Protein backbone atom coordinates (compact mmCIF):
# COMPACT_ATOMS: atom_id res chain seq x y z
CA MET A 1 70.56 -10.65 -14.29
CA VAL A 2 72.87 -12.55 -16.48
CA LYS A 3 74.33 -16.04 -14.77
CA LEU A 4 77.35 -18.30 -15.95
CA ARG A 5 76.03 -21.90 -14.60
CA LEU A 6 75.51 -25.63 -15.25
CA LYS A 7 73.11 -27.04 -17.77
CA ARG A 8 72.98 -31.16 -17.27
CA CYS A 9 73.56 -33.28 -20.34
CA GLY A 10 74.24 -36.62 -21.14
CA ARG A 11 72.91 -39.70 -19.79
CA LYS A 12 71.84 -41.60 -16.40
CA GLN A 13 75.19 -41.71 -14.35
CA ARG A 14 77.15 -40.30 -17.24
CA ALA A 15 76.36 -36.36 -16.89
CA VAL A 16 78.39 -34.10 -18.27
CA TYR A 17 78.01 -30.34 -18.14
CA ARG A 18 77.69 -27.96 -20.63
CA ILE A 19 78.87 -24.06 -18.75
CA VAL A 20 76.13 -21.22 -20.32
CA ALA A 21 75.31 -18.10 -19.60
CA ILE A 22 71.44 -18.12 -18.86
CA ASP A 23 68.97 -15.38 -17.42
CA VAL A 24 68.63 -15.88 -13.86
CA ARG A 25 64.93 -16.93 -13.73
CA SER A 26 65.53 -19.49 -16.41
CA ARG A 27 65.23 -22.94 -15.13
CA ARG A 28 68.22 -25.36 -15.46
CA GLU A 29 67.45 -27.31 -18.70
CA GLY A 30 66.04 -23.83 -19.89
CA LYS A 31 67.15 -21.88 -22.54
CA ASP A 32 70.41 -20.41 -22.76
CA LEU A 33 72.17 -16.98 -24.43
CA ARG A 34 75.11 -18.76 -25.01
CA LYS A 35 77.66 -21.37 -24.44
CA VAL A 36 80.95 -21.16 -23.38
CA GLY A 37 81.87 -24.28 -22.29
CA PHE A 38 81.54 -27.47 -20.93
CA TYR A 39 82.65 -29.78 -18.10
CA ASP A 40 83.38 -33.15 -17.75
CA PRO A 41 83.63 -34.49 -13.87
CA MET A 42 84.29 -38.69 -15.15
CA LYS A 43 87.09 -37.48 -17.19
CA ASN A 44 88.03 -34.43 -15.27
CA GLN A 45 88.09 -32.70 -18.59
CA THR A 46 87.00 -28.55 -18.67
CA TYR A 47 86.77 -26.60 -22.02
CA LEU A 48 85.89 -22.82 -21.59
CA ASN A 49 86.06 -20.13 -24.35
CA VAL A 50 87.86 -17.87 -22.38
CA PRO A 51 87.14 -14.25 -24.83
CA VAL A 52 83.12 -14.77 -24.38
CA ILE A 53 83.18 -15.76 -20.75
CA LEU A 54 85.45 -12.64 -19.87
CA ASP A 55 83.11 -10.34 -22.54
CA PHE A 56 79.95 -11.81 -19.80
CA LEU A 57 81.81 -11.92 -16.79
CA GLU A 58 82.80 -7.59 -17.93
CA LYS A 59 79.06 -6.74 -18.66
CA GLY A 60 78.33 -8.04 -14.77
CA ALA A 61 77.25 -11.76 -15.58
CA GLN A 62 77.55 -13.52 -12.08
CA PRO A 63 79.18 -16.94 -12.15
CA THR A 64 78.06 -19.53 -9.82
CA GLY A 65 79.81 -21.27 -6.73
CA THR A 66 80.61 -24.32 -8.69
CA VAL A 67 81.03 -22.26 -12.35
CA GLN A 68 83.52 -19.92 -9.94
CA ASN A 69 85.47 -22.93 -8.64
CA LEU A 70 86.33 -23.38 -12.58
CA LEU A 71 87.23 -20.53 -13.56
CA LYS A 72 89.31 -20.29 -10.67
CA LYS A 73 91.29 -23.60 -11.64
CA ALA A 74 91.82 -22.26 -15.13
CA GLU A 75 93.19 -18.47 -13.92
CA VAL A 76 90.20 -16.73 -15.98
CA PHE A 77 89.84 -13.95 -13.04
CA LYS A 78 93.86 -13.15 -13.59
CA GLU A 79 92.87 -11.96 -17.62
CA LEU A 80 90.34 -9.41 -16.29
CA PRO A 81 91.39 -5.66 -15.52
CA SER A 82 89.32 -5.10 -12.23
CA SER A 83 88.88 -8.39 -9.98
CA VAL A 84 85.58 -9.94 -10.03
């Protein structure tokens, strides 16, 4: 099963997160299938590669709670043909 989840990057006290498509059995810093965006909580910036995210969601990928909140905030789910 594939999940869309956060992968921690950056240094101590200055974490930034990559949003990645990754196998459920992999650990947080494990090998990802594809990078689909990033999130910087310090600057409150988010970049999403929406076509790739929609492709993964249509194929059955499940977002984690935090990633789902980021996607809702960016209104990505409105672009899906059927709601996830």
